[in-house]
Amino acid sequence: MALPAITPYAMPTADTLPANKVDWTVDPDRAVLLVHDLQNYFLGAFTPDASPLTELLANTARVKSACERLGVPVVYSAQPGGQSAEERGLQQDFWGPGLPDDERAKAIADAVAPTERDTVLTKWKYSAFVRTDLAERMAAQGRDQLIIVGVYAHIGVLMSACDAWMRDIQPFLVADAVADFSADDHEMALRYAAAKCAVVTTTDRLFEKV
């Protein structure tokens, strides 16, 4: 039930993305950036200094920088370490005990670490909305778009996008700023999101109409 060792694979490019079913565009006045689970524990499954990890971190940093420049609030999700079996719930059956109670494992990667301006939410389930106040924070700010970057694309990233859609929040999944267990899992997440709940885009295209 431990995380798999992830074999390097190439990030998707703009010309390989699935066709989007909707034509939403990001509005910085409506959007929030969710940096999903980019903790050292989860990134440790990737091969260091290889694709997709290198592009994941570089493109996430670029997206965050653009959001800061445009006034888009940045929210991080981070799972707690040392969870009890009760706190883990059914995740225990699929993934075991989860993160150790270790500061380095729990920390968000230095290359994309939050600043004092950012919000860090404690996340308990696949979706970043479950048992957090993400939806309430967005509503209080009058924001109804969610840009999503992070890991893993076919698990928490996709579930957060679906959950956003079910709350009438428009999700934007940045295809080259998310990563997964394999190229197949990554592609599956993009295909499902584009067809069912989100706009799939790239780092270069995210704000091209702003």
C-alpha atoms as a PDB file:
ATOM      1  CA  MET A   1       0.000   0.000   0.000  1.00  0.00           C
ATOM      2  CA  ALA A   2       3.041   2.287  -0.183  1.00  0.00           C
ATOM      3  CA  LEU A   3       3.384   4.771  -2.996  1.00  0.00           C
ATOM      4  CA  PRO A   4       4.804   3.254  -6.186  1.00  0.00           C
ATOM      5  CA  ALA A   5       8.210   4.191  -7.547  1.00  0.00           C
ATOM      6  CA  ILE A   6       7.308   6.387 -10.504  1.00  0.00           C
ATOM      7  CA  THR A   7       9.180   5.763 -13.741  1.00  0.00           C
ATOM      8  CA  PRO A   8      10.063   8.999 -15.574  1.00  0.00           C
ATOM      9  CA  TYR A   9       7.722   9.971 -18.389  1.00  0.00           C
ATOM     10  CA  ALA A  10       7.269  12.978 -20.655  1.00  0.00           C
ATOM     11  CA  MET A  11       4.870  15.717 -19.680  1.00  0.00           C
ATOM     12  CA  PRO A  12       1.919  16.265 -22.041  1.00  0.00           C
ATOM     13  CA  THR A  13       2.220  19.149 -24.468  1.00  0.00           C
ATOM     14  CA  ALA A  14      -0.395  21.491 -25.869  1.00  0.00           C
ATOM     15  CA  ASP A  15      -0.762  19.492 -29.082  1.00  0.00           C
ATOM     16  CA  THR A  16      -1.460  16.248 -27.192  1.00  0.00           C
ATOM     17  CA  LEU A  17      -4.214  17.537 -24.885  1.00  0.00           C
ATOM     18  CA  PRO A  18      -7.771  16.214 -25.153  1.00  0.00           C
ATOM     19  CA  ALA A  19     -10.413  18.484 -26.618  1.00  0.00           C
ATOM     20  CA  ASN A  20     -12.273  20.518 -24.032  1.00  0.00           C
ATOM     21  CA  LYS A  21     -16.042  20.291 -23.946  1.00  0.00           C
ATOM     22  CA  VAL A  22     -16.437  23.865 -22.671  1.00  0.00           C
ATOM     23  CA  ASP A  23     -14.695  27.119 -23.552  1.00  0.00           C
ATOM     24  CA  TRP A  24     -14.331  28.766 -20.158  1.00  0.00           C
ATOM     25  CA  THR A  25     -11.472  31.234 -19.740  1.00  0.00           C
ATOM     26  CA  VAL A  26      -9.713  32.190 -16.537  1.00  0.00           C
ATOM     27  CA  ASP A  27     -10.657  35.542 -15.012  1.00  0.00           C
ATOM     28  CA  PRO A  28      -8.147  36.631 -12.355  1.00  0.00           C
ATOM     29  CA  ASP A  29     -10.945  38.383 -10.471  1.00  0.00           C
ATOM     30  CA  ARG A  30     -12.865  35.102 -10.164  1.00  0.00           C
ATOM     31  CA  ALA A  31     -10.073  32.556  -9.732  1.00  0.00           C
ATOM     32  CA  VAL A  32      -8.209  30.856  -6.888  1.00  0.00           C
ATOM     33  CA  LEU A  33      -5.078  28.736  -7.381  1.00  0.00           C
ATOM     34  CA  LEU A  34      -5.009  25.375  -5.590  1.00  0.00           C
ATOM     35  CA  VAL A  35      -1.516  23.907  -5.156  1.00  0.00           C
ATOM     36  CA  HIS A  36      -2.476  20.331  -4.414  1.00  0.00           C
ATOM     37  CA  ASP A  37      -0.421  18.067  -2.108  1.00  0.00           C
ATOM     38  CA  LEU A  38       3.054  19.054  -3.272  1.00  0.00           C
ATOM     39  CA  GLN A  39       4.605  17.667  -0.110  1.00  0.00           C
ATOM     40  CA  ASN A  40       7.998  15.999  -0.052  1.00  0.00           C
ATOM     41  CA  TYR A  41       6.430  12.666   0.910  1.00  0.00           C
ATOM     42  CA  PHE A  42       4.411  12.512  -2.314  1.00  0.00           C
ATOM     43  CA  LEU A  43       7.159  13.935  -4.512  1.00  0.00           C
ATOM     44  CA  GLY A  44       9.578  11.348  -3.160  1.00  0.00           C
ATOM     45  CA  ALA A  45       7.930   8.723  -5.365  1.00  0.00           C
ATOM     46  CA  PHE A  46       9.304  10.460  -8.488  1.00  0.00           C
ATOM     47  CA  THR A  47      12.796  10.109  -9.897  1.00  0.00           C
ATOM     48  CA  PRO A  48      14.763  13.215  -8.837  1.00  0.00           C
ATOM     49  CA  ASP A  49      15.868  15.639 -11.552  1.00  0.00           C
ATOM     50  CA  ALA A  50      13.787  13.879 -14.199  1.00  0.00           C
ATOM     51  CA  SER A  51      10.515  14.399 -16.016  1.00  0.00           C
ATOM     52  CA  PRO A  52       7.763  14.817 -14.954  1.00  0.00           C
ATOM     53  CA  LEU A  53       9.039  16.089 -11.581  1.00  0.00           C
ATOM     54  CA  THR A  54      11.258  18.812 -12.991  1.00  0.00           C
ATOM     55  CA  GLU A  55       8.478  20.269 -15.164  1.00  0.00           C
ATOM     56  CA  LEU A  56       5.895  19.852 -12.406  1.00  0.00           C
ATOM     57  CA  LEU A  57       7.858  22.058 -10.024  1.00  0.00           C
ATOM     58  CA  ALA A  58       9.010  24.563 -12.639  1.00  0.00           C
ATOM     59  CA  ASN A  59       5.552  25.020 -14.138  1.00  0.00           C
ATOM     60  CA  THR A  60       3.851  25.192 -10.754  1.00  0.00           C
ATOM     61  CA  ALA A  61       6.255  27.978  -9.807  1.00  0.00           C
ATOM     62  CA  ARG A  62       5.422  29.781 -13.052  1.00  0.00           C
ATOM     63  CA  VAL A  63       1.676  29.455 -12.490  1.00  0.00           C
ATOM     64  CA  LYS A  64       1.992  30.692  -8.933  1.00  0.00           C
ATOM     65  CA  SER A  65       4.105  33.656 -10.010  1.00  0.00           C
ATOM     66  CA  ALA A  66       1.516  34.625 -12.621  1.00  0.00           C
ATOM     67  CA  CYS A  67      -1.288  34.318 -10.070  1.00  0.00           C
ATOM     68  CA  GLU A  68       0.570  36.530  -7.614  1.00  0.00           C
ATOM     69  CA  ARG A  69       1.120  39.130 -10.337  1.00  0.00           C
ATOM     70  CA  LEU A  70      -2.573  39.079 -11.281  1.00  0.00           C
ATOM     71  CA  GLY A  71      -3.929  39.105  -7.737  1.00  0.00           C
ATOM     72  CA  VAL A  72      -5.215  35.529  -7.732  1.00  0.00           C
ATOM     73  CA  PRO A  73      -5.275  34.076  -4.179  1.00  0.00           C
ATOM     74  CA  VAL A  74      -3.115  30.990  -3.648  1.00  0.00           C
ATOM     75  CA  VAL A  75      -4.293  28.074  -1.502  1.00  0.00           C
ATOM     76  CA  TYR A  76      -2.243  24.988  -0.677  1.00  0.00           C
ATOM     77  CA  SER A  77      -3.543  21.611   0.424  1.00  0.00           C
ATOM     78  CA  ALA A  78      -1.317  19.583   2.732  1.00  0.00           C
ATOM     79  CA  GLN A  79      -2.077  16.291   4.415  1.00  0.00           C
ATOM     80  CA  PRO A  80      -1.138  15.895   8.090  1.00  0.00           C
ATOM     81  CA  GLY A  81       1.381  13.306   9.206  1.00  0.00           C
ATOM     82  CA  GLY A  82       0.896  10.630  11.813  1.00  0.00           C
ATOM     83  CA  GLN A  83      -2.853  10.283  11.307  1.00  0.00           C
ATOM     84  CA  SER A  84      -4.791   7.874  13.466  1.00  0.00           C
ATOM     85  CA  ALA A  85      -6.764   5.038  11.866  1.00  0.00           C
ATOM     86  CA  GLU A  86      -9.933   6.993  12.667  1.00  0.00           C
ATOM     87  CA  GLU A  87      -8.611  10.078  10.902  1.00  0.00           C
ATOM     88  CA  ARG A  88      -7.492   8.036   7.900  1.00  0.00           C
ATOM     89  CA  GLY A  89     -10.841   6.280   7.499  1.00  0.00           C
ATOM     90  CA  LEU A  90     -11.109   4.278   4.285  1.00  0.00           C
ATOM     91  CA  GLN A  91      -7.861   5.741   2.996  1.00  0.00           C
ATOM     92  CA  GLN A  92      -6.176   3.369   5.430  1.00  0.00           C
ATOM     93  CA  ASP A  93      -7.523   0.398   3.453  1.00  0.00           C
ATOM     94  CA  PHE A  94      -6.215   1.698   0.124  1.00  0.00           C
ATOM     95  CA  TRP A  95      -3.014   3.522   1.083  1.00  0.00           C
ATOM     96  CA  GLY A  96      -2.024   2.471   4.576  1.00  0.00           C
ATOM     97  CA  PRO A  97      -1.069   4.948   7.295  1.00  0.00           C
ATOM     98  CA  GLY A  98      -0.085   7.796   4.993  1.00  0.00           C
ATOM     99  CA  LEU A  99       2.479  10.464   5.805  1.00  0.00           C
ATOM    100  CA  PRO A 100       4.795   9.881   8.755  1.00  0.00           C
ATOM    101  CA  ASP A 101       4.841  12.455  11.520  1.00  0.00           C
ATOM    102  CA  ASP A 102       8.038  13.927  10.131  1.00  0.00           C
ATOM    103  CA  GLU A 103       8.514  17.609   9.379  1.00  0.00           C
ATOM    104  CA  ARG A 104      10.540  17.089   6.211  1.00  0.00           C
ATOM    105  CA  ALA A 105       8.043  14.597   4.771  1.00  0.00           C
ATOM    106  CA  LYS A 106       5.098  16.882   5.550  1.00  0.00           C
ATOM    107  CA  ALA A 107       6.754  20.031   4.193  1.00  0.00           C
ATOM    108  CA  ILE A 108       5.803  21.460   0.817  1.00  0.00           C
ATOM    109  CA  ALA A 109       8.682  21.319  -1.658  1.00  0.00           C
ATOM    110  CA  ASP A 110      11.047  24.256  -1.327  1.00  0.00           C
ATOM    111  CA  ALA A 111      10.751  25.180  -5.015  1.00  0.00           C
ATOM    112  CA  VAL A 112       7.028  25.924  -4.619  1.00  0.00           C
ATOM    113  CA  ALA A 113       6.752  26.628  -0.888  1.00  0.00           C
ATOM    114  CA  PRO A 114       3.999  28.926   0.377  1.00  0.00           C
ATOM    115  CA  THR A 115       4.679  32.455   1.549  1.00  0.00           C
ATOM    116  CA  GLU A 116       3.004  34.396   4.337  1.00  0.00           C
ATOM    117  CA  ARG A 117       0.444  35.663   1.803  1.00  0.00           C
ATOM    118  CA  ASP A 118      -0.780  32.164   0.989  1.00  0.00           C
ATOM    119  CA  THR A 119      -3.303  29.914   2.735  1.00  0.00           C
ATOM    120  CA  VAL A 120      -2.432  26.330   3.700  1.00  0.00           C
ATOM    121  CA  LEU A 121      -5.387  23.996   4.295  1.00  0.00           C
ATOM    122  CA  THR A 122      -5.163  20.707   6.173  1.00  0.00           C
ATOM    123  CA  LYS A 123      -6.500  18.102   3.737  1.00  0.00           C
ATOM    124  CA  TRP A 124      -8.014  14.769   4.774  1.00  0.00           C
ATOM    125  CA  LYS A 125      -9.511  13.105   1.697  1.00  0.00           C
ATOM    126  CA  TYR A 126      -8.971  12.988  -2.064  1.00  0.00           C
ATOM    127  CA  SER A 127     -10.906  16.218  -2.657  1.00  0.00           C
ATOM    128  CA  ALA A 128      -9.473  19.419  -1.228  1.00  0.00           C
ATOM    129  CA  PHE A 129     -13.026  20.496  -0.393  1.00  0.00           C
ATOM    130  CA  VAL A 130     -13.792  17.669   2.051  1.00  0.00           C
ATOM    131  CA  ARG A 131     -13.478  18.672   5.716  1.00  0.00           C
ATOM    132  CA  THR A 132     -11.889  22.020   4.756  1.00  0.00           C
ATOM    133  CA  ASP A 133     -13.306  25.531   4.348  1.00  0.00           C
ATOM    134  CA  LEU A 134     -12.077  25.954   0.774  1.00  0.00           C
ATOM    135  CA  ALA A 135     -15.590  26.422  -0.644  1.00  0.00           C
ATOM    136  CA  GLU A 136     -16.503  28.911   2.079  1.00  0.00           C
ATOM    137  CA  ARG A 137     -13.302  30.882   1.534  1.00  0.00           C
ATOM    138  CA  MET A 138     -13.978  31.099  -2.173  1.00  0.00           C
ATOM    139  CA  ALA A 139     -17.591  32.147  -1.661  1.00  0.00           C
ATOM    140  CA  ALA A 140     -16.572  34.850   0.816  1.00  0.00           C
ATOM    141  CA  GLN A 141     -14.228  36.285  -1.819  1.00  0.00           C
ATOM    142  CA  GLY A 142     -16.796  36.026  -4.597  1.00  0.00           C
ATOM    143  CA  ARG A 143     -14.614  33.594  -6.538  1.00  0.00           C
ATOM    144  CA  ASP A 144     -16.003  30.719  -8.608  1.00  0.00           C
ATOM    145  CA  GLN A 145     -13.019  29.436 -10.627  1.00  0.00           C
ATOM    146  CA  LEU A 146     -10.337  27.043  -9.371  1.00  0.00           C
ATOM    147  CA  ILE A 147      -6.960  26.560 -11.073  1.00  0.00           C
ATOM    148  CA  ILE A 148      -5.429  23.241 -10.011  1.00  0.00           C
ATOM    149  CA  VAL A 149      -1.791  22.158 -10.044  1.00  0.00           C
ATOM    150  CA  GLY A 150      -0.026  19.380  -8.110  1.00  0.00           C
ATOM    151  CA  VAL A 151      -0.263  15.628  -7.540  1.00  0.00           C
ATOM    152  CA  TYR A 152      -1.588  13.096  -8.202  1.00  0.00           C
ATOM    153  CA  ALA A 153      -3.532  13.894 -11.368  1.00  0.00           C
ATOM    154  CA  HIS A 154      -5.905  10.904 -11.406  1.00  0.00           C
ATOM    155  CA  ILE A 155      -6.558  10.948  -7.637  1.00  0.00           C
ATOM    156  CA  GLY A 156      -6.801  14.136  -5.591  1.00  0.00           C
ATOM    157  CA  VAL A 157      -6.344  16.559  -8.473  1.00  0.00           C
ATOM    158  CA  LEU A 158      -9.162  15.015 -10.489  1.00  0.00           C
ATOM    159  CA  MET A 159     -11.424  14.543  -7.468  1.00  0.00           C
ATOM    160  CA  SER A 160     -10.943  18.181  -6.455  1.00  0.00           C
ATOM    161  CA  ALA A 161     -11.838  19.258  -9.998  1.00  0.00           C
ATOM    162  CA  CYS A 162     -14.970  17.102  -9.971  1.00  0.00           C
ATOM    163  CA  ASP A 163     -15.935  18.384  -6.530  1.00  0.00           C
ATOM    164  CA  ALA A 164     -15.480  21.969  -7.682  1.00  0.00           C
ATOM    165  CA  TRP A 165     -17.742  21.327 -10.668  1.00  0.00           C
ATOM    166  CA  MET A 166     -20.410  19.871  -8.387  1.00  0.00           C
ATOM    167  CA  ARG A 167     -20.299  23.118  -6.411  1.00  0.00           C
ATOM    168  CA  ASP A 168     -20.659  25.256  -9.588  1.00  0.00           C
ATOM    169  CA  ILE A 169     -17.021  26.299  -9.401  1.00  0.00           C
ATOM    170  CA  GLN A 170     -15.278  26.195 -12.787  1.00  0.00           C
ATOM    171  CA  PRO A 171     -12.088  24.076 -12.588  1.00  0.00           C
ATOM    172  CA  PHE A 172      -9.005  24.606 -14.757  1.00  0.00           C
ATOM    173  CA  LEU A 173      -6.559  21.703 -14.719  1.00  0.00           C
ATOM    174  CA  VAL A 174      -3.039  22.696 -15.793  1.00  0.00           C
ATOM    175  CA  ALA A 175      -1.859  19.611 -17.666  1.00  0.00           C
ATOM    176  CA  ASP A 176       1.892  20.286 -17.469  1.00  0.00           C
ATOM    177  CA  ALA A 177       1.759  21.421 -13.830  1.00  0.00           C
ATOM    178  CA  VAL A 178       0.283  18.173 -12.524  1.00  0.00           C
ATOM    179  CA  ALA A 179       1.914  14.743 -12.417  1.00  0.00           C
ATOM    180  CA  ASP A 180       0.935  11.151 -11.741  1.00  0.00           C
ATOM    181  CA  PHE A 181       1.963   7.540 -11.197  1.00  0.00           C
ATOM    182  CA  SER A 182       2.363   7.032 -14.957  1.00  0.00           C
ATOM    183  CA  ALA A 183       1.773   8.666 -18.312  1.00  0.00           C
ATOM    184  CA  ASP A 184      -1.370   6.535 -18.694  1.00  0.00           C
ATOM    185  CA  ASP A 185      -2.815   7.701 -15.379  1.00  0.00           C
ATOM    186  CA  HIS A 186      -1.957  11.294 -16.241  1.00  0.00           C
ATOM    187  CA  GLU A 187      -3.618  11.027 -19.655  1.00  0.00           C
ATOM    188  CA  MET A 188      -6.715   9.398 -18.169  1.00  0.00           C
ATOM    189  CA  ALA A 189      -7.154  12.256 -15.704  1.00  0.00           C
ATOM    190  CA  LEU A 190      -6.867  14.844 -18.460  1.00  0.00           C
ATOM    191  CA  ARG A 191      -9.320  13.033 -20.731  1.00  0.00           C
ATOM    192  CA  TYR A 192     -11.905  12.642 -17.976  1.00  0.00           C
ATOM    193  CA  ALA A 193     -11.570  16.245 -16.802  1.00  0.00           C
ATOM    194  CA  ALA A 194     -11.849  17.715 -20.305  1.00  0.00           C
ATOM    195  CA  ALA A 195     -14.943  15.657 -21.070  1.00  0.00           C
ATOM    196  CA  LYS A 196     -16.751  15.833 -17.742  1.00  0.00           C
ATOM    197  CA  CYS A 197     -15.858  18.700 -15.436  1.00  0.00           C
ATOM    198  CA  ALA A 198     -13.018  21.074 -16.333  1.00  0.00           C
ATOM    199  CA  VAL A 199     -10.967  22.972 -18.855  1.00  0.00           C
ATOM    200  CA  VAL A 200      -7.615  21.296 -19.456  1.00  0.00           C
ATOM    201  CA  THR A 201      -4.913  23.771 -20.374  1.00  0.00           C
ATOM    202  CA  THR A 202      -1.161  24.372 -20.107  1.00  0.00           C
ATOM    203  CA  THR A 203       1.043  26.754 -18.181  1.00  0.00           C
ATOM    204  CA  ASP A 204       1.655  28.843 -21.308  1.00  0.00           C
ATOM    205  CA  ARG A 205      -2.034  29.016 -22.238  1.00  0.00           C
ATOM    206  CA  LEU A 206      -3.596  29.520 -18.815  1.00  0.00           C
ATOM    207  CA  PHE A 207      -3.569  33.314 -18.848  1.00  0.00           C
ATOM    208  CA  GLU A 208      -3.026  33.959 -22.554  1.00  0.00           C
ATOM    209  CA  LYS A 209      -6.410  35.742 -22.907  1.00  0.00           C
ATOM    210  CA  VAL A 210      -5.933  37.937 -19.833  1.00  0.00           C
END
